[in-house]
């Protein structure tokens, strides 16, 4: 829950999203390292899950397409909220 709260605050205060733009922010306990990450879904892209790490710094790590997103042919170039890694 702490990580989801940190990412939600980051999205609202640092990235200037409104609450209305965010569909969900969920903390996940995974089996891979790092064990905690956060999945963010935006209302205008319900078929894309953006993965954030919120350990020392908050950063978008990757994205995943739902099966519906894959079927619709969503590609990286069409993503609205993707932040390319530097």
N, C-alpha and C. Protein backbone atom coordinates (compact mmCIF):
# COMPACT_ATOMS: atom_id res chain seq x y z
N UNK A 1 0.81 -1.20 0.00
CA UNK A 1 0.00 0.00 0.00
C UNK A 1 0.86 1.27 0.00
N UNK A 2 1.98 1.23 0.70
CA UNK A 2 2.85 2.40 0.77
C UNK A 2 3.36 2.77 -0.62
N UNK A 3 3.73 1.76 -1.41
CA UNK A 3 4.27 2.02 -2.74
C UNK A 3 3.19 2.60 -3.65
N UNK A 4 1.98 2.08 -3.57
CA UNK A 4 0.88 2.61 -4.39
C UNK A 4 0.60 4.06 -4.03
N UNK A 5 0.65 4.36 -2.74
CA UNK A 5 0.40 5.72 -2.30
C UNK A 5 1.50 6.67 -2.81
N UNK A 6 2.76 6.21 -2.75
CA UNK A 6 3.87 7.02 -3.25
C UNK A 6 3.74 7.29 -4.75
N UNK A 7 3.38 6.26 -5.51
CA UNK A 7 3.23 6.43 -6.96
C UNK A 7 2.04 7.33 -7.26
N UNK A 8 0.95 7.15 -6.57
CA UNK A 8 -0.23 7.99 -6.79
C UNK A 8 0.11 9.46 -6.53
N UNK A 9 0.79 9.73 -5.44
CA UNK A 9 1.21 11.10 -5.12
C UNK A 9 2.14 11.64 -6.20
N UNK A 10 3.07 10.82 -6.65
CA UNK A 10 4.00 11.20 -7.72
C UNK A 10 3.23 11.58 -8.99
N UNK A 11 2.27 10.75 -9.38
CA UNK A 11 1.50 11.03 -10.60
C UNK A 11 0.72 12.33 -10.49
N UNK A 12 0.14 12.58 -9.33
CA UNK A 12 -0.66 13.78 -9.14
C UNK A 12 0.20 15.04 -8.98
N UNK A 13 1.25 14.94 -8.18
CA UNK A 13 2.02 16.14 -7.85
C UNK A 13 3.20 16.42 -8.77
N UNK A 14 3.87 15.37 -9.23
CA UNK A 14 5.06 15.55 -10.08
C UNK A 14 4.71 15.53 -11.57
N UNK A 15 3.86 14.61 -11.95
CA UNK A 15 3.50 14.46 -13.37
C UNK A 15 2.23 15.22 -13.73
N UNK A 16 1.56 15.78 -12.75
CA UNK A 16 0.39 16.66 -12.92
C UNK A 16 -0.80 15.98 -13.60
N UNK A 17 -0.99 14.70 -13.32
CA UNK A 17 -2.22 14.04 -13.74
C UNK A 17 -3.32 14.43 -12.77
N UNK A 18 -4.56 14.38 -13.22
CA UNK A 18 -5.68 14.58 -12.31
C UNK A 18 -6.18 13.21 -11.86
N UNK A 19 -6.91 13.18 -10.75
CA UNK A 19 -7.47 11.92 -10.26
C UNK A 19 -8.38 11.29 -11.30
N UNK A 20 -9.05 12.12 -12.08
CA UNK A 20 -9.98 11.63 -13.10
C UNK A 20 -9.28 10.90 -14.24
N UNK A 21 -8.00 11.12 -14.43
CA UNK A 21 -7.26 10.47 -15.51
C UNK A 21 -6.75 9.08 -15.13
N UNK A 22 -6.72 8.80 -13.84
CA UNK A 22 -6.15 7.55 -13.35
C UNK A 22 -7.26 6.57 -13.00
N UNK A 23 -7.20 5.40 -13.61
CA UNK A 23 -8.21 4.38 -13.34
C UNK A 23 -7.86 3.59 -12.09
N UNK A 24 -6.59 3.16 -11.96
CA UNK A 24 -6.19 2.40 -10.79
C UNK A 24 -4.69 2.49 -10.55
N UNK A 25 -4.33 2.34 -9.28
CA UNK A 25 -2.94 2.29 -8.84
C UNK A 25 -2.89 1.18 -7.80
N UNK A 26 -2.23 0.07 -8.14
CA UNK A 26 -2.27 -1.12 -7.29
C UNK A 26 -0.86 -1.61 -6.99
N UNK A 27 -0.57 -1.84 -5.70
CA UNK A 27 0.71 -2.44 -5.30
C UNK A 27 0.67 -3.94 -5.55
N UNK A 28 1.79 -4.46 -6.02
CA UNK A 28 1.89 -5.89 -6.31
C UNK A 28 3.10 -6.46 -5.58
N UNK A 29 2.91 -7.59 -4.97
CA UNK A 29 4.01 -8.37 -4.41
C UNK A 29 4.33 -9.42 -5.45
N UNK A 30 5.48 -9.33 -6.08
CA UNK A 30 5.85 -10.26 -7.14
C UNK A 30 6.90 -11.25 -6.70
N UNK A 31 7.19 -12.19 -7.57
CA UNK A 31 8.21 -13.20 -7.25
C UNK A 31 9.57 -12.81 -7.79
N UNK A 32 9.59 -11.88 -8.74
CA UNK A 32 10.86 -11.41 -9.29
C UNK A 32 11.37 -10.24 -8.48
N UNK A 33 12.62 -9.88 -8.70
CA UNK A 33 13.18 -8.70 -8.03
C UNK A 33 12.92 -7.46 -8.86
N UNK A 34 12.62 -6.34 -8.31
CA UNK A 34 12.29 -6.16 -6.91
C UNK A 34 10.93 -6.76 -6.59
N UNK A 35 10.73 -7.18 -5.36
CA UNK A 35 9.50 -7.89 -5.02
C UNK A 35 8.26 -7.02 -5.02
N UNK A 36 8.40 -5.72 -4.83
CA UNK A 36 7.24 -4.81 -4.83
C UNK A 36 7.29 -3.90 -6.04
N UNK A 37 6.16 -3.78 -6.71
CA UNK A 37 6.04 -2.82 -7.79
C UNK A 37 4.59 -2.35 -7.83
N UNK A 38 4.33 -1.35 -8.64
CA UNK A 38 3.00 -0.76 -8.71
C UNK A 38 2.52 -0.78 -10.16
N UNK A 39 1.27 -1.19 -10.34
CA UNK A 39 0.66 -1.22 -11.67
C UNK A 39 -0.33 -0.06 -11.75
N UNK A 40 -0.14 0.78 -12.78
CA UNK A 40 -1.00 1.94 -12.98
C UNK A 40 -1.74 1.77 -14.31
N UNK A 41 -3.05 2.00 -14.27
CA UNK A 41 -3.87 1.98 -15.48
C UNK A 41 -4.53 3.34 -15.59
N UNK A 42 -4.42 3.94 -16.76
CA UNK A 42 -5.05 5.24 -17.01
C UNK A 42 -6.38 5.01 -17.72
N UNK A 43 -7.34 5.87 -17.44
CA UNK A 43 -8.69 5.71 -18.00
C UNK A 43 -8.70 5.75 -19.52
N UNK A 44 -7.80 6.55 -20.13
CA UNK A 44 -7.81 6.65 -21.59
C UNK A 44 -7.00 5.54 -22.26
N UNK A 45 -6.40 4.65 -21.46
CA UNK A 45 -5.67 3.49 -21.97
C UNK A 45 -5.92 2.28 -21.08
N UNK A 46 -7.17 1.80 -21.04
CA UNK A 46 -7.48 0.70 -20.12
C UNK A 46 -6.82 -0.63 -20.48
N UNK A 47 -6.26 -0.73 -21.67
CA UNK A 47 -5.62 -1.98 -22.09
C UNK A 47 -4.11 -1.97 -21.91
N UNK A 48 -3.60 -0.98 -21.18
CA UNK A 48 -2.16 -0.88 -20.93
C UNK A 48 -1.93 -0.77 -19.43
N UNK A 49 -1.03 -1.61 -18.92
CA UNK A 49 -0.63 -1.53 -17.51
C UNK A 49 0.79 -0.98 -17.47
N UNK A 50 0.97 0.14 -16.80
CA UNK A 50 2.28 0.75 -16.66
C UNK A 50 2.86 0.30 -15.32
N UNK A 51 4.09 -0.17 -15.35
CA UNK A 51 4.74 -0.69 -14.16
C UNK A 51 5.70 0.36 -13.61
N UNK A 52 5.54 0.68 -12.33
CA UNK A 52 6.38 1.66 -11.65
C UNK A 52 7.09 1.00 -10.48
N UNK A 53 8.32 1.41 -10.25
CA UNK A 53 9.05 1.07 -9.03
C UNK A 53 9.01 2.30 -8.14
N UNK A 54 8.86 2.08 -6.84
CA UNK A 54 8.76 3.21 -5.91
C UNK A 54 9.63 2.97 -4.69
N UNK A 55 10.83 2.52 -4.92
CA UNK A 55 11.72 2.23 -3.79
C UNK A 55 12.40 3.53 -3.37
N UNK A 56 13.60 3.81 -3.80
CA UNK A 56 14.24 5.08 -3.43
C UNK A 56 13.74 6.22 -4.32
N UNK A 57 13.65 5.95 -5.61
CA UNK A 57 13.09 6.91 -6.57
C UNK A 57 11.91 6.27 -7.26
N UNK A 58 10.99 7.09 -7.68
CA UNK A 58 9.84 6.56 -8.43
C UNK A 58 10.17 6.64 -9.90
N UNK A 59 9.99 5.52 -10.59
CA UNK A 59 10.25 5.50 -12.02
C UNK A 59 9.35 4.49 -12.71
N UNK A 60 8.97 4.86 -13.92
CA UNK A 60 8.22 3.93 -14.75
C UNK A 60 9.24 2.95 -15.32
N UNK A 61 8.99 1.67 -15.12
CA UNK A 61 9.95 0.66 -15.53
C UNK A 61 9.60 0.04 -16.88
N UNK A 62 8.34 -0.29 -17.08
CA UNK A 62 7.91 -0.92 -18.32
C UNK A 62 6.40 -0.80 -18.44
N UNK A 63 5.88 -1.42 -19.46
CA UNK A 63 4.43 -1.48 -19.62
C UNK A 63 4.07 -2.88 -20.10
N UNK A 64 2.82 -3.25 -19.89
CA UNK A 64 2.30 -4.53 -20.39
C UNK A 64 0.96 -4.27 -21.06
N UNK A 65 0.74 -4.94 -22.14
CA UNK A 65 -0.55 -4.86 -22.82
C UNK A 65 -1.43 -6.01 -22.35
N UNK A 66 -2.70 -5.72 -22.14
CA UNK A 66 -3.66 -6.78 -21.85
C UNK A 66 -3.88 -7.56 -23.15
N UNK A 67 -4.47 -8.76 -23.06
CA UNK A 67 -4.79 -9.48 -24.30
C UNK A 67 -5.65 -8.65 -25.26
N UNK A 68 -6.56 -7.85 -24.70
CA UNK A 68 -7.40 -6.99 -25.54
C UNK A 68 -6.56 -5.92 -26.24
N UNK A 69 -5.58 -5.37 -25.53
CA UNK A 69 -4.69 -4.38 -26.12
C UNK A 69 -3.87 -4.97 -27.25
N UNK A 70 -3.38 -6.20 -27.05
CA UNK A 70 -2.63 -6.88 -28.10
C UNK A 70 -3.52 -7.12 -29.32
N UNK A 71 -4.76 -7.54 -29.06
CA UNK A 71 -5.70 -7.81 -30.16
C UNK A 71 -6.04 -6.54 -30.93
N UNK A 72 -6.05 -5.41 -30.25
CA UNK A 72 -6.34 -4.13 -30.91
C UNK A 72 -5.13 -3.58 -31.66
N UNK A 73 -3.98 -4.23 -31.49
CA UNK A 73 -2.79 -3.80 -32.21
C UNK A 73 -2.09 -2.59 -31.60
N UNK A 74 -2.25 -2.40 -30.30
CA UNK A 74 -1.58 -1.29 -29.63
C UNK A 74 -0.08 -1.53 -29.69
N UNK A 75 0.66 -0.52 -30.07
CA UNK A 75 2.12 -0.61 -30.12
C UNK A 75 2.73 0.49 -29.25
N UNK A 76 4.01 0.37 -28.98
CA UNK A 76 4.70 1.36 -28.14
C UNK A 76 4.51 2.77 -28.68
N UNK A 77 4.54 2.94 -29.99
CA UNK A 77 4.43 4.28 -30.57
C UNK A 77 3.04 4.90 -30.34
N UNK A 78 2.05 4.08 -30.01
CA UNK A 78 0.70 4.58 -29.77
C UNK A 78 0.41 4.88 -28.29
N UNK A 79 1.36 4.55 -27.41
CA UNK A 79 1.13 4.73 -25.98
C UNK A 79 1.15 6.20 -25.60
N UNK A 80 0.19 6.59 -24.77
CA UNK A 80 0.05 7.99 -24.37
C UNK A 80 0.84 8.33 -23.12
N UNK A 81 1.12 7.35 -22.27
CA UNK A 81 1.72 7.62 -20.97
C UNK A 81 3.08 6.94 -20.80
N UNK A 82 3.63 6.43 -21.86
CA UNK A 82 4.91 5.74 -21.80
C UNK A 82 6.04 6.74 -21.67
N UNK A 83 6.95 6.49 -20.73
CA UNK A 83 8.14 7.32 -20.55
C UNK A 83 9.35 6.47 -20.92
N UNK A 84 9.94 6.72 -22.09
CA UNK A 84 11.09 5.90 -22.51
C UNK A 84 12.24 5.98 -21.51
N UNK A 85 12.92 4.86 -21.34
CA UNK A 85 14.08 4.82 -20.45
C UNK A 85 15.22 5.56 -21.10
N UNK A 86 16.00 6.21 -20.28
CA UNK A 86 17.15 6.96 -20.81
C UNK A 86 18.38 6.11 -20.85
